[in-house]
Amino acid sequence: MVESGTATVTVSRGDGIQLNVAHFKSIPGILKLSLPSVIAEHELNERRIEPLRSRREQLLSLRTDKFDVLVIGGGATGCGVALDAVSRGLKTALVEMDDFSAGTSSRSTKLIHGGVRYLEKAVFGLDIEQYKIVKEALFERANLLAIAPHLAYPLPIMLPVYRFWQVPYFWAGIKAYDFVAGSQLLKPSYFIGKKKER
């Protein structure tokens, strides 16, 4: 149960020191957290040997216990949020209506794209917010490639064109994207004819 209101979460460490690790404001439907990292790396690797609780015990706990964080959805994102909260010492509940990783986040392409379709919306809709999404996506992609090259790497993608009149449209759009990418451009786009493509 996550209570409405404002609270400070306190974690007691084994050395007797108490740390205020999070200050959160819970508004119905919204949970805002400010979480500094306070758990030492060696503490994260400690294994607790406890028997798994039965489904009945877990459901009873959800009804009666108080939690610092409630995560709704046990896909890749929800499990990551829950893991992060637990690693910071917060009492965390995670609920999922199906099986873990059964939803859309488990079926995504896992591509870290730069938001090329948002650029189209920005241009044709004269929407500055869509343009900001493109710039943010490009920044995040470059950041991920820099900090996690073991997880993220450039992958060439081919955009098929089935009608001749579409060639200048897509070419202009992709070249505009190259321009917007600026220094974060991985490789300039180029045209491949039907014969070279095979």
N, C-alpha and C. Protein backbone atom coordinates (compact mmCIF):
# COMPACT_ATOMS: atom_id res chain seq x y z
N MET A 1 0.86 -1.16 0.00
CA MET A 1 0.00 0.00 0.00
C MET A 1 0.91 1.23 0.00
N VAL A 2 0.73 2.14 -0.94
CA VAL A 2 1.49 3.39 -0.99
C VAL A 2 0.59 4.49 -0.49
N GLU A 3 0.99 5.15 0.59
CA GLU A 3 0.14 6.17 1.17
C GLU A 3 0.33 7.50 0.47
N SER A 4 -0.74 8.29 0.47
CA SER A 4 -0.65 9.62 -0.08
C SER A 4 -0.02 10.54 0.95
N GLY A 5 0.75 11.50 0.49
CA GLY A 5 1.38 12.43 1.41
C GLY A 5 2.85 12.57 1.10
N THR A 6 3.60 13.13 2.02
CA THR A 6 5.03 13.33 1.85
C THR A 6 5.77 12.58 2.93
N ALA A 7 6.88 11.93 2.59
CA ALA A 7 7.62 11.16 3.58
C ALA A 7 9.08 11.10 3.21
N THR A 8 9.89 10.80 4.20
CA THR A 8 11.31 10.55 3.99
C THR A 8 11.57 9.11 4.35
N VAL A 9 12.21 8.36 3.46
CA VAL A 9 12.50 6.96 3.70
C VAL A 9 13.86 6.87 4.39
N THR A 10 13.93 6.12 5.48
CA THR A 10 15.17 5.96 6.22
C THR A 10 15.62 4.51 6.12
N VAL A 11 16.90 4.31 5.81
CA VAL A 11 17.47 2.96 5.72
C VAL A 11 18.48 2.81 6.83
N SER A 12 18.38 1.73 7.60
CA SER A 12 19.37 1.44 8.63
C SER A 12 20.39 0.49 8.05
N ARG A 13 21.66 0.89 8.09
CA ARG A 13 22.73 0.03 7.60
C ARG A 13 23.24 -0.83 8.74
N GLY A 14 23.99 -1.84 8.40
CA GLY A 14 24.51 -2.77 9.39
C GLY A 14 25.44 -2.12 10.40
N ASP A 15 26.05 -0.99 10.04
CA ASP A 15 26.98 -0.34 10.95
C ASP A 15 26.27 0.61 11.92
N GLY A 16 24.94 0.56 11.97
CA GLY A 16 24.19 1.37 12.91
C GLY A 16 23.86 2.77 12.43
N ILE A 17 24.35 3.13 11.24
CA ILE A 17 24.09 4.48 10.71
C ILE A 17 22.76 4.47 9.97
N GLN A 18 21.95 5.48 10.21
CA GLN A 18 20.70 5.62 9.49
C GLN A 18 20.86 6.70 8.44
N LEU A 19 20.41 6.41 7.22
CA LEU A 19 20.53 7.36 6.12
C LEU A 19 19.15 7.70 5.59
N ASN A 20 18.89 8.98 5.37
CA ASN A 20 17.67 9.38 4.68
C ASN A 20 17.97 9.27 3.19
N VAL A 21 17.34 8.31 2.52
CA VAL A 21 17.71 8.03 1.14
C VAL A 21 16.72 8.54 0.11
N ALA A 22 15.53 8.85 0.50
CA ALA A 22 14.57 9.29 -0.51
C ALA A 22 13.52 10.17 0.12
N HIS A 23 13.13 11.15 -0.61
CA HIS A 23 12.04 12.02 -0.21
C HIS A 23 11.03 11.93 -1.33
N PHE A 24 9.84 11.45 -1.04
CA PHE A 24 8.87 11.34 -2.13
C PHE A 24 7.56 11.99 -1.75
N LYS A 25 6.93 12.50 -2.79
CA LYS A 25 5.62 13.10 -2.65
C LYS A 25 4.67 12.25 -3.47
N SER A 26 3.67 11.71 -2.84
CA SER A 26 2.72 10.86 -3.53
C SER A 26 1.42 11.62 -3.71
N ILE A 27 1.07 11.85 -4.94
CA ILE A 27 -0.19 12.49 -5.29
C ILE A 27 -1.02 11.40 -5.97
N PRO A 28 -2.30 11.29 -5.70
CA PRO A 28 -3.08 10.21 -6.32
C PRO A 28 -2.80 10.11 -7.82
N GLY A 29 -2.29 8.94 -8.21
CA GLY A 29 -1.98 8.69 -9.62
C GLY A 29 -0.56 9.06 -10.01
N ILE A 30 0.18 9.77 -9.15
CA ILE A 30 1.54 10.20 -9.50
C ILE A 30 2.45 9.92 -8.32
N LEU A 31 3.62 9.37 -8.57
CA LEU A 31 4.60 9.15 -7.52
C LEU A 31 5.90 9.76 -7.99
N LYS A 32 6.39 10.78 -7.30
CA LYS A 32 7.64 11.44 -7.67
C LYS A 32 8.70 11.04 -6.66
N LEU A 33 9.84 10.55 -7.16
CA LEU A 33 10.91 10.11 -6.29
C LEU A 33 12.18 10.89 -6.56
N SER A 34 12.92 11.17 -5.52
CA SER A 34 14.25 11.74 -5.65
C SER A 34 15.18 10.80 -4.92
N LEU A 35 15.98 10.02 -5.67
CA LEU A 35 16.72 8.93 -5.07
C LEU A 35 18.22 9.03 -5.29
N PRO A 36 18.98 9.50 -4.31
CA PRO A 36 20.42 9.41 -4.44
C PRO A 36 20.87 7.97 -4.22
N SER A 37 21.99 7.59 -4.79
CA SER A 37 22.51 6.24 -4.61
C SER A 37 23.22 6.16 -3.27
N VAL A 38 22.79 5.23 -2.39
CA VAL A 38 23.40 5.15 -1.07
C VAL A 38 23.85 3.74 -0.70
N ILE A 39 23.47 2.74 -1.46
CA ILE A 39 23.81 1.37 -1.12
C ILE A 39 25.16 1.03 -1.75
N ALA A 40 26.09 0.58 -0.94
CA ALA A 40 27.42 0.24 -1.45
C ALA A 40 27.35 -0.97 -2.37
N GLU A 41 28.30 -1.07 -3.30
CA GLU A 41 28.28 -2.14 -4.30
C GLU A 41 28.33 -3.51 -3.63
N HIS A 42 29.16 -3.69 -2.58
CA HIS A 42 29.26 -5.00 -1.94
C HIS A 42 27.94 -5.40 -1.28
N GLU A 43 27.13 -4.43 -0.86
CA GLU A 43 25.84 -4.73 -0.26
C GLU A 43 24.85 -5.23 -1.31
N LEU A 44 24.99 -4.76 -2.56
CA LEU A 44 24.08 -5.20 -3.61
C LEU A 44 24.31 -6.66 -3.96
N ASN A 45 25.54 -7.13 -3.80
CA ASN A 45 25.87 -8.50 -4.19
C ASN A 45 25.60 -9.52 -3.10
N GLU A 46 25.22 -9.07 -1.91
CA GLU A 46 24.92 -10.00 -0.84
C GLU A 46 23.64 -10.76 -1.18
N ARG A 47 23.65 -12.07 -0.95
CA ARG A 47 22.49 -12.90 -1.24
C ARG A 47 21.75 -13.22 0.05
N ARG A 48 20.47 -12.99 0.03
CA ARG A 48 19.65 -13.37 1.19
C ARG A 48 19.10 -14.76 0.91
N ILE A 49 19.28 -15.65 1.85
CA ILE A 49 18.77 -17.00 1.70
C ILE A 49 17.44 -17.06 2.45
N GLU A 50 16.37 -16.86 1.75
CA GLU A 50 15.04 -16.92 2.34
C GLU A 50 14.16 -17.77 1.44
N PRO A 51 13.29 -18.57 2.03
CA PRO A 51 12.38 -19.36 1.17
C PRO A 51 11.42 -18.43 0.43
N LEU A 52 11.06 -18.80 -0.78
CA LEU A 52 10.09 -18.02 -1.54
C LEU A 52 8.73 -18.10 -0.87
N ARG A 53 8.04 -16.96 -0.83
CA ARG A 53 6.70 -16.95 -0.24
C ARG A 53 5.69 -17.48 -1.24
N SER A 54 4.64 -18.08 -0.73
CA SER A 54 3.59 -18.60 -1.60
C SER A 54 2.81 -17.45 -2.23
N ARG A 55 2.05 -17.75 -3.26
CA ARG A 55 1.22 -16.73 -3.91
C ARG A 55 0.25 -16.11 -2.91
N ARG A 56 -0.34 -16.94 -2.06
CA ARG A 56 -1.30 -16.45 -1.05
C ARG A 56 -0.61 -15.46 -0.10
N GLU A 57 0.61 -15.79 0.34
CA GLU A 57 1.35 -14.91 1.25
C GLU A 57 1.70 -13.59 0.56
N GLN A 58 2.06 -13.67 -0.71
CA GLN A 58 2.41 -12.45 -1.45
C GLN A 58 1.20 -11.54 -1.62
N LEU A 59 0.04 -12.11 -1.95
CA LEU A 59 -1.18 -11.32 -2.10
C LEU A 59 -1.59 -10.69 -0.77
N LEU A 60 -1.46 -11.44 0.31
CA LEU A 60 -1.76 -10.91 1.64
C LEU A 60 -0.83 -9.74 1.97
N SER A 61 0.45 -9.88 1.62
CA SER A 61 1.42 -8.82 1.87
C SER A 61 1.04 -7.55 1.10
N LEU A 62 0.58 -7.70 -0.13
CA LEU A 62 0.16 -6.53 -0.92
C LEU A 62 -1.02 -5.82 -0.28
N ARG A 63 -1.90 -6.58 0.36
CA ARG A 63 -3.08 -5.97 0.99
C ARG A 63 -2.75 -5.30 2.33
N THR A 64 -1.80 -5.84 3.06
CA THR A 64 -1.60 -5.39 4.44
C THR A 64 -0.33 -4.58 4.67
N ASP A 65 0.72 -4.84 3.93
CA ASP A 65 2.00 -4.14 4.17
C ASP A 65 2.00 -2.76 3.53
N LYS A 66 2.89 -1.92 4.03
CA LYS A 66 3.09 -0.60 3.43
C LYS A 66 4.37 -0.63 2.61
N PHE A 67 4.32 -0.04 1.41
CA PHE A 67 5.46 -0.04 0.50
C PHE A 67 5.86 1.39 0.19
N ASP A 68 7.16 1.57 -0.04
CA ASP A 68 7.67 2.88 -0.45
C ASP A 68 7.37 3.14 -1.92
N VAL A 69 7.43 2.08 -2.73
CA VAL A 69 7.23 2.21 -4.17
C VAL A 69 6.33 1.08 -4.65
N LEU A 70 5.38 1.41 -5.50
CA LEU A 70 4.55 0.42 -6.16
C LEU A 70 4.81 0.54 -7.66
N VAL A 71 5.28 -0.54 -8.27
CA VAL A 71 5.55 -0.56 -9.72
C VAL A 71 4.45 -1.38 -10.37
N ILE A 72 3.79 -0.79 -11.35
CA ILE A 72 2.72 -1.49 -12.06
C ILE A 72 3.25 -1.89 -13.43
N GLY A 73 3.34 -3.18 -13.66
CA GLY A 73 3.84 -3.71 -14.93
C GLY A 73 5.20 -4.35 -14.75
N GLY A 74 5.27 -5.65 -15.01
CA GLY A 74 6.51 -6.40 -14.81
C GLY A 74 7.23 -6.71 -16.10
N GLY A 75 7.21 -5.77 -17.04
CA GLY A 75 8.00 -5.93 -18.25
C GLY A 75 9.44 -5.52 -17.99
N ALA A 76 10.18 -5.32 -19.06
CA ALA A 76 11.59 -4.96 -18.92
C ALA A 76 11.74 -3.65 -18.15
N THR A 77 10.91 -2.67 -18.45
CA THR A 77 11.00 -1.37 -17.79
C THR A 77 10.59 -1.47 -16.33
N GLY A 78 9.45 -2.10 -16.06
CA GLY A 78 8.96 -2.23 -14.69
C GLY A 78 9.92 -3.00 -13.80
N CYS A 79 10.48 -4.09 -14.31
CA CYS A 79 11.44 -4.86 -13.52
C CYS A 79 12.70 -4.04 -13.25
N GLY A 80 13.13 -3.24 -14.23
CA GLY A 80 14.29 -2.38 -14.03
C GLY A 80 14.04 -1.32 -12.97
N VAL A 81 12.84 -0.73 -12.98
CA VAL A 81 12.48 0.27 -11.98
C VAL A 81 12.42 -0.36 -10.59
N ALA A 82 11.83 -1.56 -10.51
CA ALA A 82 11.73 -2.25 -9.22
C ALA A 82 13.11 -2.61 -8.69
N LEU A 83 13.98 -3.11 -9.56
CA LEU A 83 15.34 -3.47 -9.15
C LEU A 83 16.09 -2.24 -8.63
N ASP A 84 15.95 -1.13 -9.34
CA ASP A 84 16.62 0.10 -8.92
C ASP A 84 16.11 0.55 -7.55
N ALA A 85 14.80 0.49 -7.34
CA ALA A 85 14.22 0.92 -6.06
C ALA A 85 14.70 0.02 -4.92
N VAL A 86 14.69 -1.30 -5.14
CA VAL A 86 15.13 -2.24 -4.10
C VAL A 86 16.61 -2.03 -3.80
N SER A 87 17.42 -1.79 -4.83
CA SER A 87 18.85 -1.61 -4.62
C SER A 87 19.15 -0.34 -3.83
N ARG A 88 18.18 0.57 -3.77
CA ARG A 88 18.34 1.79 -2.98
C ARG A 88 17.74 1.64 -1.58
N GLY A 89 17.30 0.43 -1.26
CA GLY A 89 16.80 0.18 0.09
C GLY A 89 15.33 0.48 0.29
N LEU A 90 14.59 0.69 -0.79
CA LEU A 90 13.16 1.00 -0.67
C LEU A 90 12.35 -0.29 -0.68
N LYS A 91 11.32 -0.34 0.16
CA LYS A 91 10.43 -1.50 0.17
C LYS A 91 9.53 -1.37 -1.07
N THR A 92 9.64 -2.33 -1.96
CA THR A 92 9.05 -2.21 -3.29
C THR A 92 8.08 -3.34 -3.58
N ALA A 93 6.94 -3.00 -4.15
CA ALA A 93 5.99 -3.99 -4.63
C ALA A 93 5.88 -3.85 -6.14
N LEU A 94 5.85 -4.99 -6.83
CA LEU A 94 5.70 -4.99 -8.28
C LEU A 94 4.50 -5.87 -8.62
N VAL A 95 3.56 -5.34 -9.38
CA VAL A 95 2.38 -6.13 -9.77
C VAL A 95 2.33 -6.23 -11.28
N GLU A 96 1.90 -7.38 -11.76
CA GLU A 96 1.83 -7.67 -13.20
C GLU A 96 0.57 -8.48 -13.45
N MET A 97 -0.22 -8.10 -14.47
CA MET A 97 -1.48 -8.80 -14.69
C MET A 97 -1.29 -10.14 -15.42
N ASP A 98 -0.14 -10.32 -16.07
CA ASP A 98 0.10 -11.56 -16.80
C ASP A 98 1.36 -12.20 -16.22
N ASP A 99 2.24 -12.67 -17.05
CA ASP A 99 3.52 -13.20 -16.58
C ASP A 99 4.58 -12.14 -16.77
N PHE A 100 5.65 -12.20 -16.01
CA PHE A 100 6.71 -11.20 -16.14
C PHE A 100 7.28 -11.25 -17.55
N SER A 101 7.50 -10.08 -18.10
CA SER A 101 8.03 -9.89 -19.46
C SER A 101 7.11 -10.46 -20.54
N ALA A 102 5.82 -10.53 -20.26
CA ALA A 102 4.87 -11.02 -21.24
C ALA A 102 4.31 -9.90 -22.11
N GLY A 103 4.57 -8.65 -21.74
CA GLY A 103 3.97 -7.52 -22.44
C GLY A 103 4.84 -6.95 -23.53
N THR A 104 4.51 -5.73 -23.92
CA THR A 104 5.14 -5.12 -25.09
C THR A 104 6.62 -4.85 -24.91
N SER A 105 7.07 -4.51 -23.71
CA SER A 105 8.49 -4.19 -23.55
C SER A 105 9.37 -5.40 -23.81
N SER A 106 8.83 -6.60 -23.62
CA SER A 106 9.63 -7.80 -23.89
C SER A 106 9.65 -8.13 -25.38
N ARG A 107 8.71 -7.56 -26.14
CA ARG A 107 8.64 -7.86 -27.57
C ARG A 107 9.17 -6.72 -28.44
N SER A 108 9.75 -5.72 -27.83
CA SER A 108 10.24 -4.60 -28.63
C SER A 108 11.47 -5.00 -29.40
N THR A 109 11.84 -4.18 -30.36
CA THR A 109 12.98 -4.49 -31.21
C THR A 109 14.30 -4.29 -30.50
N LYS A 110 14.29 -3.57 -29.39
CA LYS A 110 15.49 -3.21 -28.64
C LYS A 110 16.41 -2.30 -29.45
N LEU A 111 15.87 -1.63 -30.46
CA LEU A 111 16.65 -0.67 -31.24
C LEU A 111 16.68 0.67 -30.52
N ILE A 112 17.85 1.25 -30.42
CA ILE A 112 17.99 2.59 -29.86
C ILE A 112 18.04 3.52 -31.06
N HIS A 113 16.91 4.06 -31.44
CA HIS A 113 16.85 4.86 -32.66
C HIS A 113 16.98 6.34 -32.33
N GLY A 114 17.19 7.12 -33.36
CA GLY A 114 17.36 8.55 -33.18
C GLY A 114 16.10 9.35 -33.43
N GLY A 115 14.96 8.70 -33.59
CA GLY A 115 13.70 9.41 -33.72
C GLY A 115 13.41 10.00 -35.09
N VAL A 116 13.75 9.26 -36.16
CA VAL A 116 13.57 9.82 -37.51
C VAL A 116 12.10 10.10 -37.84
N ARG A 117 11.19 9.28 -37.35
CA ARG A 117 9.77 9.53 -37.68
C ARG A 117 9.23 10.76 -36.95
N TYR A 118 9.84 11.09 -35.79
CA TYR A 118 9.43 12.31 -35.09
C TYR A 118 9.85 13.56 -35.87
N LEU A 119 10.94 13.44 -36.63
CA LEU A 119 11.38 14.56 -37.45
C LEU A 119 10.33 14.86 -38.52
N GLU A 120 9.77 13.82 -39.11
CA GLU A 120 8.71 14.00 -40.11
C GLU A 120 7.51 14.74 -39.49
N LYS A 121 7.13 14.32 -38.27
CA LYS A 121 6.02 14.99 -37.59
C LYS A 121 6.36 16.45 -37.27
N ALA A 122 7.62 16.68 -36.89
CA ALA A 122 8.05 18.04 -36.57
C ALA A 122 7.97 18.95 -37.78
N VAL A 123 8.40 18.44 -38.94
CA VAL A 123 8.43 19.26 -40.16
C VAL A 123 7.01 19.52 -40.67
N PHE A 124 6.25 18.46 -40.84
CA PHE A 124 4.91 18.63 -41.43
C PHE A 124 3.90 19.23 -40.46
N GLY A 125 4.11 19.02 -39.17
CA GLY A 125 3.20 19.59 -38.19
C GLY A 125 3.70 20.89 -37.59
N LEU A 126 4.87 21.35 -38.05
CA LEU A 126 5.51 22.54 -37.48
C LEU A 126 5.48 22.48 -35.95
N ASP A 127 5.92 21.32 -35.44
CA ASP A 127 5.83 21.02 -34.02
C ASP A 127 7.23 21.02 -33.39
N ILE A 128 7.54 22.03 -32.62
CA ILE A 128 8.85 22.15 -31.99
C ILE A 128 9.08 21.05 -30.96
N GLU A 129 8.01 20.57 -30.31
CA GLU A 129 8.15 19.50 -29.31
C GLU A 129 8.62 18.20 -29.97
N GLN A 130 8.11 17.91 -31.16
CA GLN A 130 8.56 16.72 -31.88
C GLN A 130 10.04 16.85 -32.26
N TYR A 131 10.44 18.05 -32.63
CA TYR A 131 11.85 18.30 -32.95
C TYR A 131 12.72 18.09 -31.72
N LYS A 132 12.26 18.53 -30.56
CA LYS A 132 13.01 18.33 -29.32
C LYS A 132 13.16 16.85 -29.00
N ILE A 133 12.13 16.06 -29.32
CA ILE A 133 12.21 14.61 -29.11
C ILE A 133 13.31 14.01 -29.97
N VAL A 134 13.42 14.48 -31.22
CA VAL A 134 14.48 14.00 -32.11
C VAL A 134 15.85 14.31 -31.52
N LYS A 135 16.05 15.55 -31.08
CA LYS A 135 17.34 15.94 -30.52
C LYS A 135 17.66 15.15 -29.25
N GLU A 136 16.65 14.93 -28.42
CA GLU A 136 16.87 14.16 -27.19
C GLU A 136 17.21 12.71 -27.52
N ALA A 137 16.50 12.12 -28.50
CA ALA A 137 16.76 10.73 -28.88
C ALA A 137 18.17 10.59 -29.45
N LEU A 138 18.61 11.56 -30.24
CA LEU A 138 19.97 11.53 -30.78
C LEU A 138 21.00 11.62 -29.66
N PHE A 139 20.74 12.48 -28.69
CA PHE A 139 21.66 12.62 -27.56
C PHE A 139 21.73 11.32 -26.77
N GLU A 140 20.57 10.74 -26.47
CA GLU A 140 20.53 9.50 -25.68
C GLU A 140 21.21 8.36 -26.43
N ARG A 141 21.02 8.29 -27.74
CA ARG A 141 21.66 7.24 -28.53
C ARG A 141 23.18 7.39 -28.46
N ALA A 142 23.67 8.61 -28.65
CA ALA A 142 25.12 8.86 -28.59
C ALA A 142 25.66 8.55 -27.21
N ASN A 143 24.92 8.92 -26.17
CA ASN A 143 25.33 8.66 -24.81
C ASN A 143 25.43 7.16 -24.54
N LEU A 144 24.43 6.40 -24.97
CA LEU A 144 24.42 4.96 -24.75
C LEU A 144 25.56 4.28 -25.51
N LEU A 145 25.82 4.72 -26.72
CA LEU A 145 26.94 4.15 -27.49
C LEU A 145 28.27 4.44 -26.80
N ALA A 146 28.37 5.58 -26.12
CA ALA A 146 29.62 5.95 -25.44
C ALA A 146 29.80 5.20 -24.12
N ILE A 147 28.73 5.07 -23.35
CA ILE A 147 28.88 4.48 -22.01
C ILE A 147 28.67 2.96 -21.98
N ALA A 148 28.02 2.40 -22.99
CA ALA A 148 27.76 0.96 -22.99
C ALA A 148 28.00 0.34 -24.36
N PRO A 149 29.23 0.42 -24.88
CA PRO A 149 29.49 -0.16 -26.21
C PRO A 149 29.34 -1.68 -26.24
N HIS A 150 29.36 -2.31 -25.07
CA HIS A 150 29.15 -3.76 -25.00
C HIS A 150 27.67 -4.13 -25.16
N LEU A 151 26.78 -3.15 -25.00
CA LEU A 151 25.34 -3.40 -25.13
C LEU A 151 24.74 -2.76 -26.38
N ALA A 152 25.32 -1.67 -26.83
CA ALA A 152 24.76 -0.93 -27.97
C ALA A 152 25.83 -0.75 -29.04
N TYR A 153 25.44 -0.96 -30.27
CA TYR A 153 26.36 -0.79 -31.39
C TYR A 153 25.55 -0.37 -32.62
N PRO A 154 26.19 0.34 -33.55
CA PRO A 154 25.47 0.78 -34.76
C PRO A 154 25.02 -0.42 -35.60
N LEU A 155 23.83 -0.32 -36.13
CA LEU A 155 23.27 -1.37 -36.97
C LEU A 155 22.70 -0.71 -38.22
N PRO A 156 23.26 -1.03 -39.40
CA PRO A 156 22.71 -0.41 -40.62
C PRO A 156 21.28 -0.89 -40.88
N ILE A 157 20.45 0.02 -41.32
CA ILE A 157 19.05 -0.31 -41.62
C ILE A 157 18.74 0.17 -43.03
N MET A 158 18.05 -0.67 -43.78
CA MET A 158 17.67 -0.33 -45.15
C MET A 158 16.19 0.07 -45.17
N LEU A 159 15.90 1.18 -45.81
CA LEU A 159 14.54 1.66 -45.95
C LEU A 159 14.07 1.34 -47.37
N PRO A 160 13.21 0.34 -47.54
CA PRO A 160 12.79 -0.02 -48.89
C PRO A 160 11.84 1.02 -49.50
N VAL A 161 12.02 1.27 -50.78
CA VAL A 161 11.16 2.21 -51.51
C VAL A 161 10.56 1.44 -52.68
N TYR A 162 9.24 1.42 -52.77
CA TYR A 162 8.56 0.60 -53.76
C TYR A 162 8.07 1.37 -54.99
N ARG A 163 8.00 2.69 -54.89
CA ARG A 163 7.56 3.51 -56.03
C ARG A 163 8.61 4.57 -56.31
N PHE A 164 8.85 4.83 -57.56
CA PHE A 164 9.92 5.74 -57.96
C PHE A 164 9.73 7.13 -57.37
N TRP A 165 8.48 7.61 -57.32
CA TRP A 165 8.24 8.96 -56.81
C TRP A 165 8.56 9.10 -55.32
N GLN A 166 8.67 7.97 -54.59
CA GLN A 166 9.00 8.03 -53.17
C GLN A 166 10.48 8.28 -52.92
N VAL A 167 11.33 8.03 -53.92
CA VAL A 167 12.78 8.15 -53.74
C VAL A 167 13.16 9.56 -53.29
N PRO A 168 12.76 10.64 -54.00
CA PRO A 168 13.16 11.97 -53.54
C PRO A 168 12.57 12.33 -52.18
N TYR A 169 11.37 11.86 -51.88
CA TYR A 169 10.73 12.15 -50.59
C TYR A 169 11.54 11.56 -49.44
N PHE A 170 11.83 10.24 -49.53
CA PHE A 170 12.59 9.59 -48.46
C PHE A 170 14.03 10.10 -48.42
N TRP A 171 14.63 10.33 -49.59
CA TRP A 171 16.01 10.80 -49.63
C TRP A 171 16.12 12.15 -48.93
N ALA A 172 15.20 13.07 -49.24
CA ALA A 172 15.22 14.39 -48.60
C ALA A 172 15.01 14.27 -47.09
N GLY A 173 14.10 13.41 -46.67
CA GLY A 173 13.83 13.23 -45.25
C GLY A 173 15.01 12.68 -44.49
N ILE A 174 15.65 11.67 -45.06
CA ILE A 174 16.80 11.05 -44.39
C ILE A 174 17.99 12.00 -44.38
N LYS A 175 18.17 12.76 -45.46
CA LYS A 175 19.27 13.74 -45.48
C LYS A 175 19.01 14.87 -44.46
N ALA A 176 17.76 15.25 -44.30
CA ALA A 176 17.42 16.25 -43.27
C ALA A 176 17.75 15.70 -41.88
N TYR A 177 17.49 14.41 -41.69
CA TYR A 177 17.81 13.77 -40.42
C TYR A 177 19.32 13.75 -40.20
N ASP A 178 20.09 13.45 -41.25
CA ASP A 178 21.56 13.50 -41.16
C ASP A 178 22.01 14.88 -40.71
N PHE A 179 21.39 15.92 -41.27
CA PHE A 179 21.75 17.30 -40.94
C PHE A 179 21.44 17.61 -39.48
N VAL A 180 20.26 17.21 -39.03
CA VAL A 180 19.85 17.46 -37.64
C VAL A 180 20.75 16.71 -36.66
N ALA A 181 21.20 15.51 -37.05
CA ALA A 181 22.06 14.71 -36.18
C ALA A 181 23.39 15.41 -35.92
N GLY A 182 23.88 16.15 -36.89
CA GLY A 182 25.12 16.90 -36.72
C GLY A 182 26.28 16.02 -36.31
N SER A 183 26.94 16.35 -35.20
CA SER A 183 28.10 15.60 -34.75
C SER A 183 27.73 14.21 -34.21
N GLN A 184 26.44 13.99 -33.97
CA GLN A 184 26.00 12.69 -33.45
C GLN A 184 25.61 11.72 -34.57
N LEU A 185 25.88 12.11 -35.80
CA LEU A 185 25.59 11.25 -36.96
C LEU A 185 26.53 10.06 -36.94
N LEU A 186 25.98 8.85 -37.04
CA LEU A 186 26.82 7.65 -37.03
C LEU A 186 27.47 7.43 -38.39
N LYS A 187 26.67 7.52 -39.45
CA LYS A 187 27.17 7.35 -40.81
C LYS A 187 26.17 8.02 -41.74
N PRO A 188 26.64 8.78 -42.72
CA PRO A 188 25.69 9.45 -43.63
C PRO A 188 24.84 8.43 -44.40
N SER A 189 23.58 8.77 -44.62
CA SER A 189 22.70 7.89 -45.39
C SER A 189 23.05 7.98 -46.87
N TYR A 190 22.71 6.95 -47.60
CA TYR A 190 23.00 6.93 -49.03
C TYR A 190 21.98 6.03 -49.74
N PHE A 191 21.90 6.21 -51.04
CA PHE A 191 20.95 5.48 -51.87
C PHE A 191 21.61 4.23 -52.42
N ILE A 192 20.89 3.10 -52.37
CA ILE A 192 21.36 1.84 -52.97
C ILE A 192 20.35 1.41 -54.01
N GLY A 193 20.79 1.19 -55.21
CA GLY A 193 19.90 0.72 -56.27
C GLY A 193 19.48 -0.73 -56.05
N LYS A 194 18.50 -1.18 -56.82
CA LYS A 194 17.95 -2.51 -56.67
C LYS A 194 19.01 -3.59 -56.90
N LYS A 195 19.89 -3.38 -57.86
CA LYS A 195 20.90 -4.39 -58.16
C LYS A 195 21.93 -4.51 -57.04
N LYS A 196 22.36 -3.38 -56.48
CA LYS A 196 23.37 -3.43 -55.41
C LYS A 196 22.81 -3.98 -54.12
N GLU A 197 21.53 -3.82 -53.92
CA GLU A 197 20.89 -4.24 -52.68
C GLU A 197 20.96 -5.74 -52.49
N ARG A 198 20.96 -6.49 -53.54
CA ARG A 198 20.99 -7.96 -53.43
C ARG A 198 22.36 -8.37 -53.15
